[in-house]
């Protein structure tokens, strides 16, 4: 068991969100689904038998989605980075996570999915293009990056050259 497991608070969409995330990532699975007892349902105002938590795994990382009610909302203060080896992978995750919902595409590879969760879709080559001790190169790459929502690796490489 991993030491730290992210818990994601939803009003009542935990199962739908977990199924969506599992459909996006290739190495993913739904785990245990815990349902409310009559006592828990009465305490929370939710129906007995309704979903309380859904455990799921994405690329070896365990998560739990909780139907906690409307008290809290997910926001940009927490995001998940998807490290991508190629432009095809950047495109895949960007397109899948931004599909079918009110999504906010944000600067520098950030997007918010239909459940409000923020993702950073980032090519693994970015630190190499930004680093190396060449301040002018780093500045050119940063300026190109700041103009992008979905990251375009070819444009970053062009800025680096």
N, C-alpha and C. Protein backbone atom coordinates (compact mmCIF):
# COMPACT_ATOMS: atom_id res chain seq x y z
N UNK A 1 0.85 -1.18 0.00
CA UNK A 1 0.00 0.00 0.00
C UNK A 1 0.89 1.24 0.00
N UNK A 2 0.54 2.20 -0.85
CA UNK A 2 1.33 3.42 -0.88
C UNK A 2 1.08 4.24 0.38
N UNK A 3 2.05 5.04 0.77
CA UNK A 3 1.96 5.82 2.00
C UNK A 3 0.97 6.96 1.93
N UNK A 4 0.87 7.60 0.77
CA UNK A 4 0.00 8.77 0.62
C UNK A 4 -0.94 8.51 -0.56
N UNK A 5 -2.24 8.67 -0.30
CA UNK A 5 -3.25 8.48 -1.34
C UNK A 5 -4.06 9.76 -1.47
N UNK A 6 -4.07 10.36 -2.65
CA UNK A 6 -4.93 11.54 -2.84
C UNK A 6 -6.41 11.17 -2.71
N UNK A 7 -7.13 11.95 -1.95
CA UNK A 7 -8.57 11.82 -1.76
C UNK A 7 -9.21 12.99 -2.49
N UNK A 8 -10.10 12.70 -3.41
CA UNK A 8 -10.74 13.74 -4.21
C UNK A 8 -12.19 13.89 -3.77
N UNK A 9 -12.58 15.07 -3.36
CA UNK A 9 -13.92 15.34 -2.82
C UNK A 9 -14.85 15.77 -3.95
N UNK A 10 -15.94 15.05 -4.10
CA UNK A 10 -16.98 15.40 -5.06
C UNK A 10 -18.30 15.55 -4.32
N UNK A 11 -19.23 16.24 -4.92
CA UNK A 11 -20.57 16.33 -4.35
C UNK A 11 -21.21 14.94 -4.42
N UNK A 12 -21.48 14.48 -5.64
CA UNK A 12 -22.09 13.16 -5.81
C UNK A 12 -21.59 12.45 -7.07
N UNK A 13 -20.48 12.93 -7.66
CA UNK A 13 -20.00 12.39 -8.92
C UNK A 13 -18.78 11.49 -8.79
N UNK A 14 -18.48 10.98 -7.62
CA UNK A 14 -17.25 10.20 -7.41
C UNK A 14 -17.14 9.01 -8.34
N UNK A 15 -18.19 8.23 -8.47
CA UNK A 15 -18.13 7.04 -9.33
C UNK A 15 -17.97 7.44 -10.80
N UNK A 16 -18.74 8.42 -11.25
CA UNK A 16 -18.62 8.88 -12.64
C UNK A 16 -17.22 9.41 -12.92
N UNK A 17 -16.68 10.18 -12.00
CA UNK A 17 -15.34 10.74 -12.19
C UNK A 17 -14.30 9.63 -12.24
N UNK A 18 -14.37 8.69 -11.31
CA UNK A 18 -13.40 7.58 -11.29
C UNK A 18 -13.47 6.79 -12.60
N UNK A 19 -14.67 6.50 -13.07
CA UNK A 19 -14.83 5.77 -14.34
C UNK A 19 -14.24 6.58 -15.50
N UNK A 20 -14.45 7.88 -15.49
CA UNK A 20 -13.89 8.73 -16.54
C UNK A 20 -12.36 8.67 -16.52
N UNK A 21 -11.74 8.86 -15.36
CA UNK A 21 -10.28 8.85 -15.27
C UNK A 21 -9.71 7.49 -15.68
N UNK A 22 -10.37 6.42 -15.26
CA UNK A 22 -9.92 5.08 -15.64
C UNK A 22 -10.03 4.87 -17.16
N UNK A 23 -11.01 5.51 -17.79
CA UNK A 23 -11.14 5.38 -19.24
C UNK A 23 -10.04 6.15 -19.99
N UNK A 24 -9.46 7.15 -19.36
CA UNK A 24 -8.44 7.98 -20.00
C UNK A 24 -7.06 7.32 -19.94
N UNK A 25 -6.71 6.79 -18.79
CA UNK A 25 -5.37 6.24 -18.59
C UNK A 25 -5.37 4.75 -18.93
N UNK A 26 -4.34 4.33 -19.66
CA UNK A 26 -4.29 2.96 -20.17
C UNK A 26 -4.03 1.93 -19.07
N UNK A 27 -3.24 2.26 -18.08
CA UNK A 27 -2.95 1.36 -16.97
C UNK A 27 -3.77 1.85 -15.78
N UNK A 28 -5.04 1.47 -15.76
CA UNK A 28 -5.96 2.02 -14.76
C UNK A 28 -7.04 1.01 -14.41
N UNK A 29 -7.57 1.12 -13.19
CA UNK A 29 -8.62 0.20 -12.77
C UNK A 29 -9.42 0.80 -11.62
N UNK A 30 -10.69 0.43 -11.59
CA UNK A 30 -11.54 0.73 -10.43
C UNK A 30 -11.27 -0.33 -9.38
N UNK A 31 -11.17 0.10 -8.15
CA UNK A 31 -10.98 -0.84 -7.04
C UNK A 31 -12.28 -0.99 -6.26
N UNK A 32 -12.18 -0.88 -4.96
CA UNK A 32 -13.32 -1.05 -4.08
C UNK A 32 -14.26 0.15 -4.15
N UNK A 33 -15.55 -0.15 -4.22
CA UNK A 33 -16.58 0.88 -4.13
C UNK A 33 -17.30 0.66 -2.80
N UNK A 34 -17.22 1.65 -1.91
CA UNK A 34 -17.89 1.57 -0.61
C UNK A 34 -19.21 2.32 -0.71
N UNK A 35 -20.25 1.70 -0.17
CA UNK A 35 -21.59 2.31 -0.21
C UNK A 35 -22.04 2.69 1.19
N UNK A 36 -22.93 3.66 1.25
CA UNK A 36 -23.43 4.14 2.54
C UNK A 36 -24.36 3.11 3.17
N UNK A 37 -24.21 2.97 4.46
CA UNK A 37 -25.16 2.16 5.22
C UNK A 37 -26.39 3.02 5.50
N UNK A 38 -27.42 2.43 6.07
CA UNK A 38 -28.61 3.21 6.44
C UNK A 38 -28.23 4.30 7.44
N UNK A 39 -27.35 3.95 8.38
CA UNK A 39 -26.93 4.92 9.40
C UNK A 39 -26.12 6.06 8.78
N UNK A 40 -25.15 5.72 7.92
CA UNK A 40 -24.35 6.74 7.26
C UNK A 40 -25.21 7.60 6.35
N UNK A 41 -26.14 6.97 5.65
CA UNK A 41 -27.03 7.72 4.78
C UNK A 41 -27.88 8.72 5.55
N UNK A 42 -28.40 8.29 6.69
CA UNK A 42 -29.22 9.18 7.51
C UNK A 42 -28.39 10.36 8.03
N UNK A 43 -27.16 10.07 8.40
CA UNK A 43 -26.27 11.11 8.94
C UNK A 43 -25.89 12.14 7.87
N UNK A 44 -25.72 11.69 6.63
CA UNK A 44 -25.25 12.60 5.57
C UNK A 44 -26.37 13.13 4.68
N UNK A 45 -27.56 12.60 4.85
CA UNK A 45 -28.66 13.01 3.99
C UNK A 45 -28.63 12.36 2.62
N UNK A 46 -27.81 11.35 2.47
CA UNK A 46 -27.72 10.61 1.20
C UNK A 46 -28.38 9.24 1.39
N UNK A 47 -28.83 8.68 0.29
CA UNK A 47 -29.56 7.41 0.35
C UNK A 47 -28.65 6.26 0.78
N UNK A 48 -29.21 5.37 1.59
CA UNK A 48 -28.51 4.13 1.93
C UNK A 48 -28.24 3.39 0.63
N UNK A 49 -27.04 2.84 0.51
CA UNK A 49 -26.66 2.13 -0.71
C UNK A 49 -26.01 3.01 -1.76
N UNK A 50 -26.08 4.32 -1.58
CA UNK A 50 -25.41 5.21 -2.54
C UNK A 50 -23.90 5.15 -2.34
N UNK A 51 -23.17 5.53 -3.38
CA UNK A 51 -21.71 5.44 -3.35
C UNK A 51 -21.14 6.46 -2.36
N UNK A 52 -20.28 5.98 -1.48
CA UNK A 52 -19.55 6.85 -0.55
C UNK A 52 -18.16 7.12 -1.11
N UNK A 53 -17.40 6.05 -1.38
CA UNK A 53 -16.05 6.21 -1.93
C UNK A 53 -15.81 5.21 -3.06
N UNK A 54 -14.91 5.61 -3.95
CA UNK A 54 -14.47 4.74 -5.04
C UNK A 54 -12.94 4.78 -5.06
N UNK A 55 -12.32 3.63 -4.83
CA UNK A 55 -10.87 3.53 -4.96
C UNK A 55 -10.54 3.23 -6.42
N UNK A 56 -9.52 3.89 -6.93
CA UNK A 56 -9.11 3.62 -8.30
C UNK A 56 -7.62 3.88 -8.44
N UNK A 57 -7.04 3.31 -9.49
CA UNK A 57 -5.61 3.43 -9.73
C UNK A 57 -5.38 3.93 -11.14
N UNK A 58 -4.48 4.90 -11.28
CA UNK A 58 -4.06 5.42 -12.57
C UNK A 58 -2.55 5.30 -12.66
N UNK A 59 -2.08 4.50 -13.59
CA UNK A 59 -0.63 4.30 -13.79
C UNK A 59 0.10 4.00 -12.48
N UNK A 60 -0.46 3.14 -11.67
CA UNK A 60 0.17 2.74 -10.43
C UNK A 60 -0.11 3.65 -9.24
N UNK A 61 -0.68 4.81 -9.46
CA UNK A 61 -1.01 5.76 -8.39
C UNK A 61 -2.42 5.51 -7.90
N UNK A 62 -2.56 5.25 -6.61
CA UNK A 62 -3.89 5.02 -6.04
C UNK A 62 -4.55 6.34 -5.68
N UNK A 63 -5.86 6.40 -5.89
CA UNK A 63 -6.69 7.55 -5.54
C UNK A 63 -7.95 7.04 -4.87
N UNK A 64 -8.62 7.91 -4.15
CA UNK A 64 -9.96 7.64 -3.65
C UNK A 64 -10.83 8.84 -3.98
N UNK A 65 -11.98 8.57 -4.58
CA UNK A 65 -12.97 9.62 -4.85
C UNK A 65 -14.06 9.48 -3.80
N UNK A 66 -14.43 10.59 -3.19
CA UNK A 66 -15.40 10.62 -2.09
C UNK A 66 -16.61 11.45 -2.50
N UNK A 67 -17.79 10.92 -2.30
CA UNK A 67 -19.01 11.71 -2.44
C UNK A 67 -19.28 12.35 -1.08
N UNK A 68 -18.72 13.54 -0.89
CA UNK A 68 -18.80 14.21 0.39
C UNK A 68 -19.89 15.26 0.49
N UNK A 69 -20.56 15.54 -0.62
CA UNK A 69 -21.59 16.56 -0.60
C UNK A 69 -21.06 17.89 -1.11
N UNK A 70 -21.91 18.91 -1.06
CA UNK A 70 -21.58 20.20 -1.67
C UNK A 70 -20.72 21.13 -0.82
N UNK A 71 -20.20 20.65 0.30
CA UNK A 71 -19.50 21.53 1.25
C UNK A 71 -18.19 22.09 0.71
N UNK A 72 -17.49 21.30 -0.13
CA UNK A 72 -16.20 21.73 -0.67
C UNK A 72 -16.18 21.45 -2.16
N UNK A 73 -15.38 22.23 -2.88
CA UNK A 73 -15.21 22.02 -4.31
C UNK A 73 -13.73 21.88 -4.63
N UNK A 74 -13.45 21.08 -5.62
CA UNK A 74 -12.08 20.96 -6.12
C UNK A 74 -11.71 22.29 -6.77
N UNK A 75 -10.46 22.71 -6.59
CA UNK A 75 -10.01 23.94 -7.25
C UNK A 75 -8.57 23.79 -7.72
N UNK A 76 -8.05 24.83 -8.34
CA UNK A 76 -6.72 24.80 -8.94
C UNK A 76 -5.57 24.75 -7.94
N UNK A 77 -5.85 24.82 -6.67
CA UNK A 77 -4.78 24.77 -5.68
C UNK A 77 -4.06 23.43 -5.70
N UNK A 78 -4.70 22.41 -6.23
CA UNK A 78 -4.09 21.09 -6.39
C UNK A 78 -4.28 20.67 -7.85
N UNK A 79 -3.20 20.16 -8.44
CA UNK A 79 -3.29 19.66 -9.81
C UNK A 79 -2.44 18.40 -9.91
N UNK A 80 -2.66 17.67 -11.00
CA UNK A 80 -1.88 16.46 -11.26
C UNK A 80 -1.14 16.64 -12.57
N UNK A 81 0.15 16.34 -12.57
CA UNK A 81 0.99 16.46 -13.75
C UNK A 81 1.01 15.12 -14.47
N UNK A 82 0.77 15.16 -15.77
CA UNK A 82 0.92 13.99 -16.62
C UNK A 82 2.17 14.23 -17.47
N UNK A 83 3.22 13.48 -17.19
CA UNK A 83 4.48 13.62 -17.93
C UNK A 83 4.39 12.83 -19.22
N UNK A 84 4.58 13.51 -20.35
CA UNK A 84 4.37 12.91 -21.66
C UNK A 84 5.68 12.83 -22.43
N UNK A 85 5.91 11.68 -23.04
CA UNK A 85 7.15 11.43 -23.79
C UNK A 85 7.13 11.98 -25.20
N UNK A 86 5.95 12.29 -25.75
CA UNK A 86 5.86 12.69 -27.15
C UNK A 86 4.70 13.67 -27.34
N UNK A 87 4.67 14.30 -28.51
CA UNK A 87 3.55 15.17 -28.84
C UNK A 87 2.26 14.36 -28.94
N UNK A 88 2.35 13.14 -29.45
CA UNK A 88 1.17 12.29 -29.56
C UNK A 88 0.57 12.03 -28.18
N UNK A 89 1.44 11.82 -27.19
CA UNK A 89 0.96 11.60 -25.83
C UNK A 89 0.37 12.88 -25.25
N UNK A 90 1.00 14.02 -25.49
CA UNK A 90 0.44 15.31 -25.06
C UNK A 90 -0.96 15.47 -25.65
N UNK A 91 -1.07 15.26 -26.95
CA UNK A 91 -2.35 15.41 -27.64
C UNK A 91 -3.40 14.45 -27.07
N UNK A 92 -3.00 13.20 -26.85
CA UNK A 92 -3.93 12.19 -26.33
C UNK A 92 -4.52 12.63 -24.99
N UNK A 93 -3.66 12.94 -24.02
CA UNK A 93 -4.16 13.29 -22.69
C UNK A 93 -4.92 14.61 -22.70
N UNK A 94 -4.44 15.57 -23.48
CA UNK A 94 -5.14 16.85 -23.57
C UNK A 94 -6.55 16.63 -24.11
N UNK A 95 -6.65 15.89 -25.21
CA UNK A 95 -7.95 15.66 -25.84
C UNK A 95 -8.88 14.86 -24.95
N UNK A 96 -8.38 13.80 -24.33
CA UNK A 96 -9.22 12.94 -23.49
C UNK A 96 -9.70 13.67 -22.23
N UNK A 97 -8.78 14.35 -21.55
CA UNK A 97 -9.16 15.01 -20.30
C UNK A 97 -10.03 16.25 -20.52
N UNK A 98 -9.97 16.82 -21.70
CA UNK A 98 -10.77 18.01 -21.97
C UNK A 98 -12.06 17.69 -22.73
N UNK A 99 -12.36 16.41 -22.94
CA UNK A 99 -13.54 16.02 -23.72
C UNK A 99 -14.82 16.11 -22.89
N UNK A 100 -15.91 16.43 -23.57
CA UNK A 100 -17.27 16.28 -23.03
C UNK A 100 -17.55 17.05 -21.75
N UNK A 101 -17.20 18.28 -21.68
CA UNK A 101 -17.57 19.00 -20.47
C UNK A 101 -17.09 20.42 -20.46
N UNK A 102 -17.51 21.17 -19.46
CA UNK A 102 -17.06 22.55 -19.34
C UNK A 102 -15.62 22.59 -18.87
N UNK A 103 -14.71 22.63 -19.83
CA UNK A 103 -13.28 22.54 -19.53
C UNK A 103 -12.65 23.91 -19.70
N UNK A 104 -11.75 24.23 -18.83
CA UNK A 104 -11.01 25.48 -18.95
C UNK A 104 -9.58 25.13 -19.37
N UNK A 105 -9.23 25.46 -20.61
CA UNK A 105 -7.85 25.31 -21.06
C UNK A 105 -7.09 26.51 -20.52
N UNK A 106 -5.99 26.24 -19.86
CA UNK A 106 -5.24 27.30 -19.23
C UNK A 106 -3.83 27.34 -19.79
N UNK A 107 -3.14 28.38 -19.48
CA UNK A 107 -1.80 28.62 -19.97
C UNK A 107 -0.83 27.51 -19.56
N UNK A 108 0.16 27.25 -20.41
CA UNK A 108 1.30 26.39 -20.12
C UNK A 108 0.94 24.93 -19.86
N UNK A 109 -0.04 24.42 -20.58
CA UNK A 109 -0.36 23.00 -20.47
C UNK A 109 -1.33 22.62 -19.36
N UNK A 110 -1.96 23.60 -18.73
CA UNK A 110 -2.92 23.31 -17.67
C UNK A 110 -4.32 23.24 -18.27
N UNK A 111 -5.11 22.32 -17.76
CA UNK A 111 -6.52 22.27 -18.11
C UNK A 111 -7.33 21.83 -16.91
N UNK A 112 -8.57 22.20 -16.92
CA UNK A 112 -9.49 21.77 -15.88
C UNK A 112 -10.52 20.86 -16.55
N UNK A 113 -10.70 19.65 -16.01
CA UNK A 113 -11.62 18.71 -16.64
C UNK A 113 -13.07 18.97 -16.21
N UNK A 114 -13.98 18.17 -16.72
CA UNK A 114 -15.41 18.38 -16.47
C UNK A 114 -15.81 18.23 -15.01
N UNK A 115 -14.93 17.64 -14.19
CA UNK A 115 -15.21 17.50 -12.75
C UNK A 115 -14.52 18.57 -11.92
N UNK A 116 -13.80 19.47 -12.58
CA UNK A 116 -13.14 20.56 -11.89
C UNK A 116 -11.70 20.28 -11.49
N UNK A 117 -11.21 19.08 -11.79
CA UNK A 117 -9.84 18.72 -11.42
C UNK A 117 -8.87 19.32 -12.42
N UNK A 118 -7.78 19.90 -11.92
CA UNK A 118 -6.77 20.52 -12.77
C UNK A 118 -5.66 19.53 -13.08
N UNK A 119 -5.24 19.55 -14.35
CA UNK A 119 -4.19 18.67 -14.86
C UNK A 119 -3.16 19.53 -15.56
N UNK A 120 -1.91 19.12 -15.47
CA UNK A 120 -0.83 19.73 -16.24
C UNK A 120 -0.33 18.66 -17.21
N UNK A 121 -0.50 18.90 -18.50
CA UNK A 121 -0.08 17.96 -19.52
C UNK A 121 1.26 18.47 -20.05
N UNK A 122 2.35 17.85 -19.62
CA UNK A 122 3.68 18.42 -19.80
C UNK A 122 4.62 17.42 -20.49
N UNK A 123 5.30 17.86 -21.54
CA UNK A 123 6.28 16.98 -22.17
C UNK A 123 7.52 16.83 -21.29
N UNK A 124 8.06 15.63 -21.24
CA UNK A 124 9.23 15.38 -20.40
C UNK A 124 10.48 16.13 -20.91
N UNK A 125 10.46 16.59 -22.15
CA UNK A 125 11.59 17.32 -22.71
C UNK A 125 11.64 18.77 -22.21
N UNK A 126 10.60 19.25 -21.59
CA UNK A 126 10.56 20.67 -21.18
C UNK A 126 11.73 21.08 -20.28
N UNK A 127 12.06 20.33 -19.23
CA UNK A 127 13.20 20.77 -18.39
C UNK A 127 14.51 20.86 -19.19
N UNK A 128 14.70 19.94 -20.13
CA UNK A 128 15.91 19.97 -20.97
C UNK A 128 15.93 21.24 -21.83
N UNK A 129 14.79 21.60 -22.39
CA UNK A 129 14.72 22.80 -23.22
C UNK A 129 14.87 24.07 -22.40
N UNK A 130 14.44 24.02 -21.14
CA UNK A 130 14.53 25.20 -20.26
C UNK A 130 15.88 25.32 -19.57
N UNK A 131 16.60 24.20 -19.46
CA UNK A 131 17.82 24.19 -18.67
C UNK A 131 19.07 24.32 -19.50
N UNK A 132 20.15 23.83 -18.92
CA UNK A 132 21.43 23.82 -19.62
C UNK A 132 22.29 25.04 -19.39
N UNK A 133 21.84 25.95 -18.56
CA UNK A 133 22.66 27.11 -18.24
C UNK A 133 22.65 28.23 -19.28
N UNK A 134 21.87 28.07 -20.36
CA UNK A 134 21.77 29.10 -21.38
C UNK A 134 20.55 29.96 -21.08
N UNK A 135 20.79 31.10 -20.45
CA UNK A 135 19.68 31.96 -20.01
C UNK A 135 18.86 32.48 -21.19
N UNK A 136 19.49 32.81 -22.29
CA UNK A 136 18.77 33.32 -23.46
C UNK A 136 17.86 32.23 -24.04
N UNK A 137 18.37 31.02 -24.12
CA UNK A 137 17.57 29.88 -24.62
C UNK A 137 16.39 29.64 -23.69
N UNK A 138 16.65 29.62 -22.41
CA UNK A 138 15.59 29.40 -21.43
C UNK A 138 14.51 30.47 -21.54
N UNK A 139 14.92 31.70 -21.74
CA UNK A 139 13.97 32.81 -21.87
C UNK A 139 13.12 32.65 -23.13
N UNK A 140 13.75 32.25 -24.24
CA UNK A 140 13.00 32.06 -25.50
C UNK A 140 11.96 30.94 -25.34
N UNK A 141 12.37 29.85 -24.70
CA UNK A 141 11.45 28.73 -24.49
C UNK A 141 10.31 29.16 -23.58
N UNK A 142 10.64 29.90 -22.52
CA UNK A 142 9.60 30.37 -21.60
C UNK A 142 8.62 31.29 -22.31
N UNK A 143 9.10 32.19 -23.13
CA UNK A 143 8.22 33.09 -23.87
C UNK A 143 7.30 32.31 -24.81
N UNK A 144 7.83 31.28 -25.46
CA UNK A 144 6.99 30.44 -26.33
C UNK A 144 5.96 29.69 -25.49
N UNK A 145 6.39 29.15 -24.38
CA UNK A 145 5.50 28.39 -23.50
C UNK A 145 4.34 29.24 -22.99
N UNK A 146 4.64 30.48 -22.64
CA UNK A 146 3.61 31.38 -22.10
C UNK A 146 2.52 31.71 -23.13
N UNK A 147 2.79 31.48 -24.40
CA UNK A 147 1.79 31.74 -25.44
C UNK A 147 0.89 30.53 -25.69
N UNK A 148 1.21 29.42 -25.07
CA UNK A 148 0.50 28.16 -25.36
C UNK A 148 -0.50 27.81 -24.28
N UNK A 149 -1.54 27.14 -24.71
CA UNK A 149 -2.42 26.42 -23.79
C UNK A 149 -1.95 24.97 -23.84
N UNK A 150 -2.36 24.22 -24.88
CA UNK A 150 -1.79 22.87 -25.08
C UNK A 150 -0.37 23.05 -25.57
N UNK A 151 0.56 22.36 -24.97
CA UNK A 151 1.97 22.52 -25.30
C UNK A 151 2.30 21.84 -26.63
N UNK A 152 3.03 22.59 -27.46
CA UNK A 152 3.49 22.12 -28.76
C UNK A 152 5.01 21.96 -28.69
N UNK A 153 5.46 20.71 -28.65
CA UNK A 153 6.89 20.43 -28.48
C UNK A 153 7.71 21.01 -29.63
N UNK A 154 7.23 20.90 -30.86
CA UNK A 154 7.98 21.42 -32.01
C UNK A 154 8.21 22.93 -31.88
N UNK A 155 7.21 23.65 -31.41
CA UNK A 155 7.36 25.10 -31.23
C UNK A 155 8.35 25.42 -30.12
N UNK A 156 8.35 24.61 -29.07
CA UNK A 156 9.34 24.82 -28.00
C UNK A 156 10.75 24.54 -28.49
N UNK A 157 10.91 23.48 -29.29
CA UNK A 157 12.24 23.16 -29.84
C UNK A 157 12.70 24.29 -30.77
N UNK A 158 11.81 24.82 -31.56
CA UNK A 158 12.14 25.93 -32.47
C UNK A 158 12.60 27.15 -31.67
N UNK A 159 11.88 27.44 -30.57
CA UNK A 159 12.26 28.58 -29.72
C UNK A 159 13.63 28.33 -29.07
N UNK A 160 13.92 27.09 -28.75
CA UNK A 160 15.20 26.77 -28.12
C UNK A 160 16.37 26.93 -29.07
N UNK A 161 16.14 26.72 -30.37
CA UNK A 161 17.24 26.77 -31.36
C UNK A 161 17.62 28.15 -31.78
